Amino acid sequence: MTVSRVLLVIGMMVAIGLVIVALRGESAKAANRVQRLHQKKVLLEHKLWSREMELARLRGPDEIRRRASELGLDLIPPTAASR
């Protein structure tokens, strides 16, 4: 092999090595971003569940009665529907 071919092979090996290092770096960045997004998703799901529980509590009959009495509203008991 001539010197130019040896230099060409070494240059190609260096280029391939740099590409591999760059790809691994990008892969690590992507994995890190996926992990952060997953953690954010879990946090948002937890907040959603908390809000849904609070909404369910506020829709309960006892809470509606309490809030109606705070507002000074008179509650009329339900009557049987006429047929």
PDB file of N, CA and C in Angstrom:
ATOM      1  N   MET A   1       0.848  -1.180   0.000  1.00  0.00           N
ATOM      2  CA  MET A   1       0.000   0.000   0.000  1.00  0.00           C
ATOM      3  C   MET A   1       0.889   1.238   0.000  1.00  0.00           C
ATOM      4  N   THR A   2       0.404   2.228  -0.649  1.00  0.00           N
ATOM      5  CA  THR A   2       1.170   3.466  -0.705  1.00  0.00           C
ATOM      6  C   THR A   2       0.805   4.328   0.492  1.00  0.00           C
ATOM      7  N   VAL A   3       1.589   5.325   0.718  1.00  0.00           N
ATOM      8  CA  VAL A   3       1.380   6.240   1.842  1.00  0.00           C
ATOM      9  C   VAL A   3       0.038   6.957   1.703  1.00  0.00           C
ATOM     10  N   SER A   4      -0.321   7.344   0.505  1.00  0.00           N
ATOM     11  CA  SER A   4      -1.595   8.054   0.317  1.00  0.00           C
ATOM     12  C   SER A   4      -2.788   7.159   0.656  1.00  0.00           C
ATOM     13  N   ARG A   5      -2.704   5.869   0.318  1.00  0.00           N
ATOM     14  CA  ARG A   5      -3.795   4.944   0.649  1.00  0.00           C
ATOM     15  C   ARG A   5      -3.876   4.730   2.159  1.00  0.00           C
ATOM     16  N   VAL A   6      -2.731   4.627   2.801  1.00  0.00           N
ATOM     17  CA  VAL A   6      -2.719   4.455   4.260  1.00  0.00           C
ATOM     18  C   VAL A   6      -3.337   5.672   4.926  1.00  0.00           C
ATOM     19  N   LEU A   7      -2.961   6.872   4.448  1.00  0.00           N
ATOM     20  CA  LEU A   7      -3.533   8.104   5.012  1.00  0.00           C
ATOM     21  C   LEU A   7      -5.040   8.173   4.742  1.00  0.00           C
ATOM     22  N   LEU A   8      -5.454   7.732   3.568  1.00  0.00           N
ATOM     23  CA  LEU A   8      -6.879   7.714   3.232  1.00  0.00           C
ATOM     24  C   LEU A   8      -7.637   6.769   4.167  1.00  0.00           C
ATOM     25  N   VAL A   9      -7.107   5.574   4.395  1.00  0.00           N
ATOM     26  CA  VAL A   9      -7.753   4.607   5.291  1.00  0.00           C
ATOM     27  C   VAL A   9      -7.805   5.162   6.712  1.00  0.00           C
ATOM     28  N   ILE A  10      -6.716   5.746   7.181  1.00  0.00           N
ATOM     29  CA  ILE A  10      -6.699   6.330   8.530  1.00  0.00           C
ATOM     30  C   ILE A  10      -7.696   7.478   8.621  1.00  0.00           C
ATOM     31  N   GLY A  11      -7.744   8.305   7.584  1.00  0.00           N
ATOM     32  CA  GLY A  11      -8.705   9.414   7.562  1.00  0.00           C
ATOM     33  C   GLY A  11     -10.140   8.929   7.599  1.00  0.00           C
ATOM     34  N   MET A  12     -10.426   7.873   6.846  1.00  0.00           N
ATOM     35  CA  MET A  12     -11.778   7.315   6.846  1.00  0.00           C
ATOM     36  C   MET A  12     -12.123   6.714   8.204  1.00  0.00           C
ATOM     37  N   MET A  13     -11.157   6.055   8.841  1.00  0.00           N
ATOM     38  CA  MET A  13     -11.408   5.480  10.169  1.00  0.00           C
ATOM     39  C   MET A  13     -11.672   6.585  11.190  1.00  0.00           C
ATOM     40  N   VAL A  14     -10.910   7.681  11.111  1.00  0.00           N
ATOM     41  CA  VAL A  14     -11.124   8.811  12.020  1.00  0.00           C
ATOM     42  C   VAL A  14     -12.511   9.410  11.780  1.00  0.00           C
ATOM     43  N   ALA A  15     -12.896   9.577  10.507  1.00  0.00           N
ATOM     44  CA  ALA A  15     -14.211  10.131  10.186  1.00  0.00           C
ATOM     45  C   ALA A  15     -15.327   9.232  10.714  1.00  0.00           C
ATOM     46  N   ILE A  16     -15.181   7.940  10.520  1.00  0.00           N
ATOM     47  CA  ILE A  16     -16.191   6.996  11.022  1.00  0.00           C
ATOM     48  C   ILE A  16     -16.262   7.058  12.550  1.00  0.00           C
ATOM     49  N   GLY A  17     -15.118   7.145  13.190  1.00  0.00           N
ATOM     50  CA  GLY A  17     -15.091   7.254  14.656  1.00  0.00           C
ATOM     51  C   GLY A  17     -15.793   8.517  15.131  1.00  0.00           C
ATOM     52  N   LEU A  18     -15.563   9.635  14.449  1.00  0.00           N
ATOM     53  CA  LEU A  18     -16.223  10.889  14.833  1.00  0.00           C
ATOM     54  C   LEU A  18     -17.736  10.806  14.631  1.00  0.00           C
ATOM     55  N   VAL A  19     -18.148  10.161  13.551  1.00  0.00           N
ATOM     56  CA  VAL A  19     -19.586   9.998  13.307  1.00  0.00           C
ATOM     57  C   VAL A  19     -20.213   9.138  14.403  1.00  0.00           C
ATOM     58  N   ILE A  20     -19.538   8.079  14.793  1.00  0.00           N
ATOM     59  CA  ILE A  20     -20.057   7.215  15.861  1.00  0.00           C
ATOM     60  C   ILE A  20     -20.179   7.979  17.170  1.00  0.00           C
ATOM     61  N   VAL A  21     -19.161   8.767  17.505  1.00  0.00           N
ATOM     62  CA  VAL A  21     -19.201   9.558  18.740  1.00  0.00           C
ATOM     63  C   VAL A  21     -20.346  10.571  18.682  1.00  0.00           C
ATOM     64  N   ALA A  22     -20.521  11.221  17.531  1.00  0.00           N
ATOM     65  CA  ALA A  22     -21.601  12.204  17.390  1.00  0.00           C
ATOM     66  C   ALA A  22     -22.966  11.530  17.521  1.00  0.00           C
ATOM     67  N   LEU A  23     -23.137  10.368  16.896  1.00  0.00           N
ATOM     68  CA  LEU A  23     -24.414   9.659  16.986  1.00  0.00           C
ATOM     69  C   LEU A  23     -24.723   9.218  18.415  1.00  0.00           C
ATOM     70  N   ARG A  24     -23.712   8.758  19.120  1.00  0.00           N
ATOM     71  CA  ARG A  24     -23.932   8.353  20.523  1.00  0.00           C
ATOM     72  C   ARG A  24     -24.298   9.564  21.383  1.00  0.00           C
ATOM     73  N   GLY A  25     -23.673  10.687  21.106  1.00  0.00           N
ATOM     74  CA  GLY A  25     -24.013  11.914  21.848  1.00  0.00           C
ATOM     75  C   GLY A  25     -25.453  12.326  21.605  1.00  0.00           C
ATOM     76  N   GLU A  26     -25.878  12.287  20.349  1.00  0.00           N
ATOM     77  CA  GLU A  26     -27.263  12.631  20.021  1.00  0.00           C
ATOM     78  C   GLU A  26     -28.236  11.630  20.629  1.00  0.00           C
ATOM     79  N   SER A  27     -27.851  10.373  20.642  1.00  0.00           N
ATOM     80  CA  SER A  27     -28.691   9.351  21.248  1.00  0.00           C
ATOM     81  C   SER A  27     -28.850   9.598  22.744  1.00  0.00           C
ATOM     82  N   ALA A  28     -27.776   9.968  23.402  1.00  0.00           N
ATOM     83  CA  ALA A  28     -27.833  10.250  24.838  1.00  0.00           C
ATOM     84  C   ALA A  28     -28.710  11.472  25.110  1.00  0.00           C
ATOM     85  N   LYS A  29     -28.589  12.496  24.266  1.00  0.00           N
ATOM     86  CA  LYS A  29     -29.432  13.686  24.428  1.00  0.00           C
ATOM     87  C   LYS A  29     -30.904  13.334  24.254  1.00  0.00           C
ATOM     88  N   ALA A  30     -31.204  12.518  23.249  1.00  0.00           N
ATOM     89  CA  ALA A  30     -32.593  12.117  23.006  1.00  0.00           C
ATOM     90  C   ALA A  30     -33.137  11.295  24.171  1.00  0.00           C
ATOM     91  N   ALA A  31     -32.335  10.388  24.696  1.00  0.00           N
ATOM     92  CA  ALA A  31     -32.776   9.571  25.831  1.00  0.00           C
ATOM     93  C   ALA A  31     -33.036  10.447  27.053  1.00  0.00           C
ATOM     94  N   ASN A  32     -32.190  11.439  27.267  1.00  0.00           N
ATOM     95  CA  ASN A  32     -32.367  12.359  28.386  1.00  0.00           C
ATOM     96  C   ASN A  32     -33.659  13.155  28.219  1.00  0.00           C
ATOM     97  N   ARG A  33     -33.921  13.612  27.003  1.00  0.00           N
ATOM     98  CA  ARG A  33     -35.147  14.384  26.744  1.00  0.00           C
ATOM     99  C   ARG A  33     -36.377  13.514  26.945  1.00  0.00           C
ATOM    100  N   VAL A  34     -36.325  12.270  26.495  1.00  0.00           N
ATOM    101  CA  VAL A  34     -37.450  11.348  26.682  1.00  0.00           C
ATOM    102  C   VAL A  34     -37.710  11.146  28.176  1.00  0.00           C
ATOM    103  N   GLN A  35     -36.650  11.003  28.949  1.00  0.00           N
ATOM    104  CA  GLN A  35     -36.808  10.804  30.390  1.00  0.00           C
ATOM    105  C   GLN A  35     -37.443  12.035  31.041  1.00  0.00           C
ATOM    106  N   ARG A  36     -36.978  13.234  30.664  1.00  0.00           N
ATOM    107  CA  ARG A  36     -37.559  14.460  31.228  1.00  0.00           C
ATOM    108  C   ARG A  36     -39.025  14.604  30.842  1.00  0.00           C
ATOM    109  N   LEU A  37     -39.369  14.278  29.581  1.00  0.00           N
ATOM    110  CA  LEU A  37     -40.755  14.376  29.145  1.00  0.00           C
ATOM    111  C   LEU A  37     -41.635  13.357  29.867  1.00  0.00           C
ATOM    112  N   HIS A  38     -41.092  12.162  30.124  1.00  0.00           N
ATOM    113  CA  HIS A  38     -41.850  11.156  30.868  1.00  0.00           C
ATOM    114  C   HIS A  38     -42.122  11.642  32.297  1.00  0.00           C
ATOM    115  N   GLN A  39     -41.114  12.223  32.936  1.00  0.00           N
ATOM    116  CA  GLN A  39     -41.307  12.747  34.289  1.00  0.00           C
ATOM    117  C   GLN A  39     -42.350  13.862  34.297  1.00  0.00           C
ATOM    118  N   LYS A  40     -42.316  14.712  33.284  1.00  0.00           N
ATOM    119  CA  LYS A  40     -43.299  15.793  33.190  1.00  0.00           C
ATOM    120  C   LYS A  40     -44.696  15.228  32.985  1.00  0.00           C
ATOM    121  N   LYS A  41     -44.803  14.176  32.162  1.00  0.00           N
ATOM    122  CA  LYS A  41     -46.094  13.526  31.920  1.00  0.00           C
ATOM    123  C   LYS A  41     -46.657  12.949  33.213  1.00  0.00           C
ATOM    124  N   VAL A  42     -45.812  12.288  33.989  1.00  0.00           N
ATOM    125  CA  VAL A  42     -46.257  11.705  35.259  1.00  0.00           C
ATOM    126  C   VAL A  42     -46.737  12.807  36.204  1.00  0.00           C
ATOM    127  N   LEU A  43     -46.000  13.911  36.270  1.00  0.00           N
ATOM    128  CA  LEU A  43     -46.392  15.033  37.131  1.00  0.00           C
ATOM    129  C   LEU A  43     -47.729  15.618  36.684  1.00  0.00           C
ATOM    130  N   LEU A  44     -47.903  15.804  35.384  1.00  0.00           N
ATOM    131  CA  LEU A  44     -49.159  16.353  34.867  1.00  0.00           C
ATOM    132  C   LEU A  44     -50.331  15.400  35.103  1.00  0.00           C
ATOM    133  N   GLU A  45     -50.086  14.097  34.976  1.00  0.00           N
ATOM    134  CA  GLU A  45     -51.145  13.128  35.267  1.00  0.00           C
ATOM    135  C   GLU A  45     -51.538  13.197  36.739  1.00  0.00           C
ATOM    136  N   HIS A  46     -50.555  13.352  37.611  1.00  0.00           N
ATOM    137  CA  HIS A  46     -50.838  13.466  39.049  1.00  0.00           C
ATOM    138  C   HIS A  46     -51.680  14.714  39.323  1.00  0.00           C
ATOM    139  N   LYS A  47     -51.316  15.831  38.701  1.00  0.00           N
ATOM    140  CA  LYS A  47     -52.102  17.060  38.876  1.00  0.00           C
ATOM    141  C   LYS A  47     -53.517  16.876  38.351  1.00  0.00           C
ATOM    142  N   LEU A  48     -53.656  16.212  37.200  1.00  0.00           N
ATOM    143  CA  LEU A  48     -54.983  15.970  36.628  1.00  0.00           C
ATOM    144  C   LEU A  48     -55.828  15.131  37.575  1.00  0.00           C
ATOM    145  N   TRP A  49     -55.264  14.059  38.117  1.00  0.00           N
ATOM    146  CA  TRP A  49     -56.007  13.205  39.048  1.00  0.00           C
ATOM    147  C   TRP A  49     -56.423  13.997  40.284  1.00  0.00           C
ATOM    148  N   SER A  50     -55.538  14.857  40.766  1.00  0.00           N
ATOM    149  CA  SER A  50     -55.883  15.674  41.940  1.00  0.00           C
ATOM    150  C   SER A  50     -57.041  16.610  41.620  1.00  0.00           C
ATOM    151  N   ARG A  51     -56.996  17.224  40.444  1.00  0.00           N
ATOM    152  CA  ARG A  51     -58.074  18.138  40.035  1.00  0.00           C
ATOM    153  C   ARG A  51     -59.389  17.382  39.854  1.00  0.00           C
ATOM    154  N   GLU A  52     -59.318  16.162  39.294  1.00  0.00           N
ATOM    155  CA  GLU A  52     -60.534  15.370  39.122  1.00  0.00           C
ATOM    156  C   GLU A  52     -61.129  14.974  40.473  1.00  0.00           C
ATOM    157  N   MET A  53     -60.281  14.655  41.432  1.00  0.00           N
ATOM    158  CA  MET A  53     -60.772  14.324  42.775  1.00  0.00           C
ATOM    159  C   MET A  53     -61.422  15.548  43.422  1.00  0.00           C
ATOM    160  N   GLU A  54     -60.809  16.705  43.272  1.00  0.00           N
ATOM    161  CA  GLU A  54     -61.371  17.942  43.818  1.00  0.00           C
ATOM    162  C   GLU A  54     -62.716  18.250  43.154  1.00  0.00           C
ATOM    163  N   LEU A  55     -62.799  18.067  41.851  1.00  0.00           N
ATOM    164  CA  LEU A  55     -64.052  18.305  41.137  1.00  0.00           C
ATOM    165  C   LEU A  55     -65.140  17.348  41.620  1.00  0.00           C
ATOM    166  N   ALA A  56     -64.789  16.097  41.812  1.00  0.00           N
ATOM    167  CA  ALA A  56     -65.760  15.119  42.316  1.00  0.00           C
ATOM    168  C   ALA A  56     -66.243  15.517  43.705  1.00  0.00           C
ATOM    169  N   ARG A  57     -65.321  16.003  44.541  1.00  0.00           N
ATOM    170  CA  ARG A  57     -65.706  16.441  45.886  1.00  0.00           C
ATOM    171  C   ARG A  57     -66.648  17.637  45.807  1.00  0.00           C
ATOM    172  N   LEU A  58     -66.360  18.591  44.924  1.00  0.00           N
ATOM    173  CA  LEU A  58     -67.190  19.791  44.806  1.00  0.00           C
ATOM    174  C   LEU A  58     -68.565  19.485  44.220  1.00  0.00           C
ATOM    175  N   ARG A  59     -68.700  18.411  43.464  1.00  0.00           N
ATOM    176  CA  ARG A  59     -69.982  18.039  42.874  1.00  0.00           C
ATOM    177  C   ARG A  59     -70.852  17.203  43.816  1.00  0.00           C
ATOM    178  N   GLY A  60     -70.317  16.859  44.960  1.00  0.00           N
ATOM    179  CA  GLY A  60     -71.064  16.035  45.912  1.00  0.00           C
ATOM    180  C   GLY A  60     -72.219  16.801  46.528  1.00  0.00           C
ATOM    181  N   PRO A  61     -73.281  16.106  46.919  1.00  0.00           N
ATOM    182  CA  PRO A  61     -74.473  16.752  47.484  1.00  0.00           C
ATOM    183  C   PRO A  61     -74.173  17.576  48.742  1.00  0.00           C
ATOM    184  N   ASP A  62     -73.320  17.060  49.615  1.00  0.00           N
ATOM    185  CA  ASP A  62     -73.012  17.798  50.844  1.00  0.00           C
ATOM    186  C   ASP A  62     -72.329  19.127  50.524  1.00  0.00           C
ATOM    187  N   GLU A  63     -71.405  19.101  49.589  1.00  0.00           N
ATOM    188  CA  GLU A  63     -70.699  20.335  49.229  1.00  0.00           C
ATOM    189  C   GLU A  63     -71.640  21.323  48.545  1.00  0.00           C
ATOM    190  N   ILE A  64     -72.542  20.822  47.723  1.00  0.00           N
ATOM    191  CA  ILE A  64     -73.512  21.709  47.059  1.00  0.00           C
ATOM    192  C   ILE A  64     -74.411  22.356  48.094  1.00  0.00           C
ATOM    193  N   ARG A  65     -74.889  21.568  49.084  1.00  0.00           N
ATOM    194  CA  ARG A  65     -75.710  22.134  50.152  1.00  0.00           C
ATOM    195  C   ARG A  65     -74.942  23.193  50.940  1.00  0.00           C
ATOM    196  N   ARG A  66     -73.688  22.899  51.260  1.00  0.00           N
ATOM    197  CA  ARG A  66     -72.888  23.846  52.039  1.00  0.00           C
ATOM    198  C   ARG A  66     -72.699  25.158  51.286  1.00  0.00           C
ATOM    199  N   ARG A  67     -72.375  25.059  50.017  1.00  0.00           N
ATOM    200  CA  ARG A  67     -72.141  26.272  49.234  1.00  0.00           C
ATOM    201  C   ARG A  67     -73.429  27.049  49.006  1.00  0.00           C
ATOM    202  N   ALA A  68     -74.540  26.334  48.842  1.00  0.00           N
ATOM    203  CA  ALA A  68     -75.828  27.008  48.664  1.00  0.00           C
ATOM    204  C   ALA A  68     -76.199  27.774  49.933  1.00  0.00           C
ATOM    205  N   SER A  69     -75.943  27.158  51.087  1.00  0.00           N
ATOM    206  CA  SER A  69     -76.263  27.866  52.335  1.00  0.00           C
ATOM    207  C   SER A  69     -75.328  29.051  52.554  1.00  0.00           C
ATOM    208  N   GLU A  70     -74.075  28.952  52.120  1.00  0.00           N
ATOM    209  CA  GLU A  70     -73.148  30.089  52.217  1.00  0.00           C
ATOM    210  C   GLU A  70     -73.628  31.258  51.363  1.00  0.00           C
ATOM    211  N   LEU A  71     -74.221  30.943  50.231  1.00  0.00           N
ATOM    212  CA  LEU A  71     -74.706  31.989  49.324  1.00  0.00           C
ATOM    213  C   LEU A  71     -76.107  32.471  49.694  1.00  0.00           C
ATOM    214  N   GLY A  72     -76.704  31.856  50.709  1.00  0.00           N
ATOM    215  CA  GLY A  72     -78.038  32.262  51.149  1.00  0.00           C
ATOM    216  C   GLY A  72     -79.146  31.791  50.225  1.00  0.00           C
ATOM    217  N   LEU A  73     -78.910  30.713  49.499  1.00  0.00           N
ATOM    218  CA  LEU A  73     -79.924  30.179  48.604  1.00  0.00           C
ATOM    219  C   LEU A  73     -80.803  29.194  49.352  1.00  0.00           C
ATOM    220  N   ASP A  74     -82.095  29.267  49.081  1.00  0.00           N
ATOM    221  CA  ASP A  74     -83.032  28.316  49.692  1.00  0.00           C
ATOM    222  C   ASP A  74     -83.103  27.086  48.801  1.00  0.00           C
ATOM    223  N   LEU A  75     -82.950  25.949  49.408  1.00  0.00           N
ATOM    224  CA  LEU A  75     -83.046  24.704  48.659  1.00  0.00           C
ATOM    225  C   LEU A  75     -84.442  24.160  48.765  1.00  0.00           C
ATOM    226  N   ILE A  76     -85.014  23.793  47.644  1.00  0.00           N
ATOM    227  CA  ILE A  76     -86.356  23.219  47.600  1.00  0.00           C
ATOM    228  C   ILE A  76     -86.182  21.728  47.360  1.00  0.00           C
ATOM    229  N   PRO A  77     -86.749  20.904  48.228  1.00  0.00           N
ATOM    230  CA  PRO A  77     -86.603  19.466  48.038  1.00  0.00           C
ATOM    231  C   PRO A  77     -87.277  19.022  46.733  1.00  0.00           C
ATOM    232  N   PRO A  78     -86.723  17.995  46.116  1.00  0.00           N
ATOM    233  CA  PRO A  78     -87.328  17.524  44.865  1.00  0.00           C
ATOM    234  C   PRO A  78     -88.723  16.950  45.103  1.00  0.00           C
ATOM    235  N   THR A  79     -89.579  17.123  44.113  1.00  0.00           N
ATOM    236  CA  THR A  79     -90.921  16.573  44.205  1.00  0.00           C
ATOM    237  C   THR A  79     -91.103  15.525  43.116  1.00  0.00           C
ATOM    238  N   ALA A  80     -92.105  14.690  43.311  1.00  0.00           N
ATOM    239  CA  ALA A  80     -92.383  13.651  42.312  1.00  0.00           C
ATOM    240  C   ALA A  80     -92.894  14.324  41.040  1.00  0.00           C
ATOM    241  N   ALA A  81     -92.434  13.857  39.911  1.00  0.00           N
ATOM    242  CA  ALA A  81     -92.848  14.435  38.637  1.00  0.00           C
ATOM    243  C   ALA A  81     -94.301  14.046  38.353  1.00  0.00           C
ATOM    244  N   SER A  82     -95.080  14.994  37.866  1.00  0.00           N
ATOM    245  CA  SER A  82     -96.479  14.689  37.540  1.00  0.00           C
ATOM    246  C   SER A  82     -96.542  13.965  36.204  1.00  0.00           C
ATOM    247  N   ARG A  83     -97.531  13.055  36.084  1.00  0.00           N
ATOM    248  CA  ARG A  83     -97.647  12.269  34.864  1.00  0.00           C
ATOM    249  C   ARG A  83     -98.846  12.659  34.085  1.00  0.00           C
TER     250      ARG A  83
END
